[in-house]
Amino acid sequence: VQLQASGGGLVQAGASLRLSCAVSGLTFRRTRMGWFRQAPGKEREFIAHITQDNNPYYSESAKGRFTISRDVAKNMVYLQMNGLKPEDTAVYFCAARPFVEYRYIYWGRGTQVTVSS
């Protein structure tokens, strides 16, 4: 199983970024996909997930600004981030939770997002 996140970068506050995660090696349509982030000196934080039925769920910090989506045909999951703030600066990870699992067991390497003020 491989998860490859991309799309991070250095942007100014208020800008937008779209993160992508390419998934291979598992039955994507039967997998819940999530996005997490980890800022320096902080614990990993849940951002959003999208279920096998295409239902999204967001953390309070992401609600209203971020949108998670998936393309089953391409085995891709996305995180559209709008209105970025300096506190969104972190390494962002995508993760996979196959339907038989109760936790995320596959993780990508992460992509750095830096938001300047």
Protein backbone atom coordinates (compact mmCIF):
# COMPACT_ATOMS: atom_id res chain seq x y z
CA VAL A 1 0.00 0.00 0.00
CA GLN A 2 1.26 3.44 -0.91
CA LEU A 3 -0.08 6.87 -0.13
CA GLN A 4 1.63 9.85 -1.70
CA ALA A 5 0.59 13.31 -0.63
CA SER A 6 1.46 16.37 -2.68
CA GLY A 7 0.43 19.95 -3.23
CA GLY A 8 1.92 21.66 -0.22
CA GLY A 9 3.88 24.85 -0.41
CA LEU A 10 4.57 28.29 0.96
CA VAL A 11 1.65 30.70 0.69
CA GLN A 12 0.48 33.92 2.28
CA ALA A 13 -2.35 34.11 4.74
CA GLY A 14 -5.70 34.03 2.98
CA ALA A 15 -4.46 31.94 0.09
CA SER A 16 -5.70 28.54 -1.01
CA LEU A 17 -4.02 25.24 -1.63
CA ARG A 18 -5.27 21.89 -2.80
CA LEU A 19 -3.55 18.84 -1.43
CA SER A 20 -3.72 15.57 -3.29
CA CYS A 21 -3.12 12.03 -2.14
CA ALA A 22 -2.56 9.21 -4.59
CA VAL A 23 -3.48 5.82 -3.20
CA SER A 24 -2.46 2.41 -4.45
CA GLY A 25 -2.45 -1.13 -3.22
CA LEU A 26 -5.83 -1.28 -1.53
CA THR A 27 -9.52 -1.31 -2.39
CA PHE A 28 -9.94 2.43 -2.45
CA ARG A 29 -13.72 2.50 -2.70
CA ARG A 30 -13.96 0.51 0.54
CA THR A 31 -11.54 2.68 2.43
CA ARG A 32 -12.14 5.68 4.62
CA MET A 33 -9.59 8.36 3.84
CA GLY A 34 -8.42 11.00 6.23
CA TRP A 35 -6.21 14.05 6.37
CA PHE A 36 -4.15 14.89 9.41
CA ARG A 37 -1.51 17.46 10.17
CA GLN A 38 1.34 17.93 12.57
CA ALA A 39 2.84 21.26 13.44
CA PRO A 40 6.31 21.56 14.98
CA GLY A 41 6.25 20.63 18.64
CA LYS A 42 2.62 19.55 18.50
CA GLU A 43 0.82 16.26 18.29
CA ARG A 44 -0.74 15.02 15.11
CA GLU A 45 -4.17 16.52 14.60
CA PHE A 46 -7.16 15.16 12.73
CA ILE A 47 -8.41 17.49 9.98
CA ALA A 48 -11.03 15.65 7.94
CA HIS A 49 -12.15 12.31 6.66
CA ILE A 50 -14.36 11.05 3.90
CA THR A 51 -16.14 7.75 4.21
CA GLN A 52 -16.64 4.97 1.72
CA ASP A 53 -20.10 6.46 1.13
CA ASN A 54 -18.55 9.83 0.33
CA ASN A 55 -19.64 11.48 3.56
CA PRO A 56 -17.19 14.09 4.84
CA TYR A 57 -16.45 15.01 8.41
CA TYR A 58 -14.33 17.91 9.61
CA SER A 59 -12.55 19.07 12.69
CA GLU A 60 -13.64 22.39 14.11
CA SER A 61 -10.47 24.01 12.80
CA ALA A 62 -11.21 22.83 9.26
CA LYS A 63 -14.95 23.32 9.13
CA GLY A 64 -16.01 26.01 6.71
CA ARG A 65 -12.55 26.46 5.19
CA PHE A 66 -11.44 23.01 4.07
CA THR A 67 -13.17 20.54 1.79
CA ILE A 68 -12.27 16.89 1.46
CA SER A 69 -13.20 14.93 -1.63
CA ARG A 70 -12.30 11.73 -3.39
CA ASP A 71 -12.11 10.47 -6.94
CA VAL A 72 -12.69 6.74 -6.89
CA ALA A 73 -11.83 6.34 -10.56
CA LYS A 74 -8.40 7.85 -9.95
CA ASN A 75 -7.78 6.51 -6.43
CA MET A 76 -7.23 10.07 -5.27
CA VAL A 77 -8.30 12.05 -2.25
CA TYR A 78 -8.07 15.82 -2.05
CA LEU A 79 -8.10 18.51 0.56
CA GLN A 80 -9.06 21.94 -0.70
CA MET A 81 -7.90 24.51 1.80
CA ASN A 82 -9.17 28.07 1.58
CA GLY A 83 -8.53 31.06 3.77
CA LEU A 84 -5.29 29.66 5.07
CA LYS A 85 -3.95 31.02 8.32
CA PRO A 86 -0.45 30.94 9.81
CA GLU A 87 -1.70 28.43 12.36
CA ASP A 88 -2.42 26.02 9.50
CA THR A 89 1.32 25.65 9.02
CA ALA A 90 2.13 21.98 9.42
CA VAL A 91 3.04 18.79 7.62
CA TYR A 92 -0.14 17.34 6.19
CA PHE A 93 -0.63 13.60 5.94
CA CYS A 94 -3.19 11.47 4.22
CA ALA A 95 -4.17 8.20 5.81
CA ALA A 96 -6.26 5.18 4.94
CA ARG A 97 -8.60 3.12 7.07
CA PRO A 98 -9.80 0.00 5.24
CA PHE A 99 -13.36 -0.97 6.02
CA VAL A 100 -12.32 -3.91 8.19
CA GLU A 101 -10.20 -1.69 10.40
CA TYR A 102 -11.18 0.62 13.23
CA ARG A 103 -8.19 2.91 12.91
CA TYR A 104 -6.00 4.42 10.23
CA ILE A 105 -3.29 1.94 9.42
CA TYR A 106 -1.71 3.33 6.26
CA TRP A 107 -0.03 6.71 6.18
CA GLY A 108 1.64 8.79 3.53
CA ARG A 109 4.86 10.74 4.04
CA GLY A 110 3.25 14.11 4.26
CA THR A 111 3.50 17.40 2.47
CA GLN A 112 4.61 20.67 4.06
CA VAL A 113 2.24 23.59 4.15
CA THR A 114 3.63 26.91 5.33
CA VAL A 115 1.43 29.95 5.66
CA SER A 116 3.10 33.28 6.17
CA SER A 117 1.41 36.22 7.82
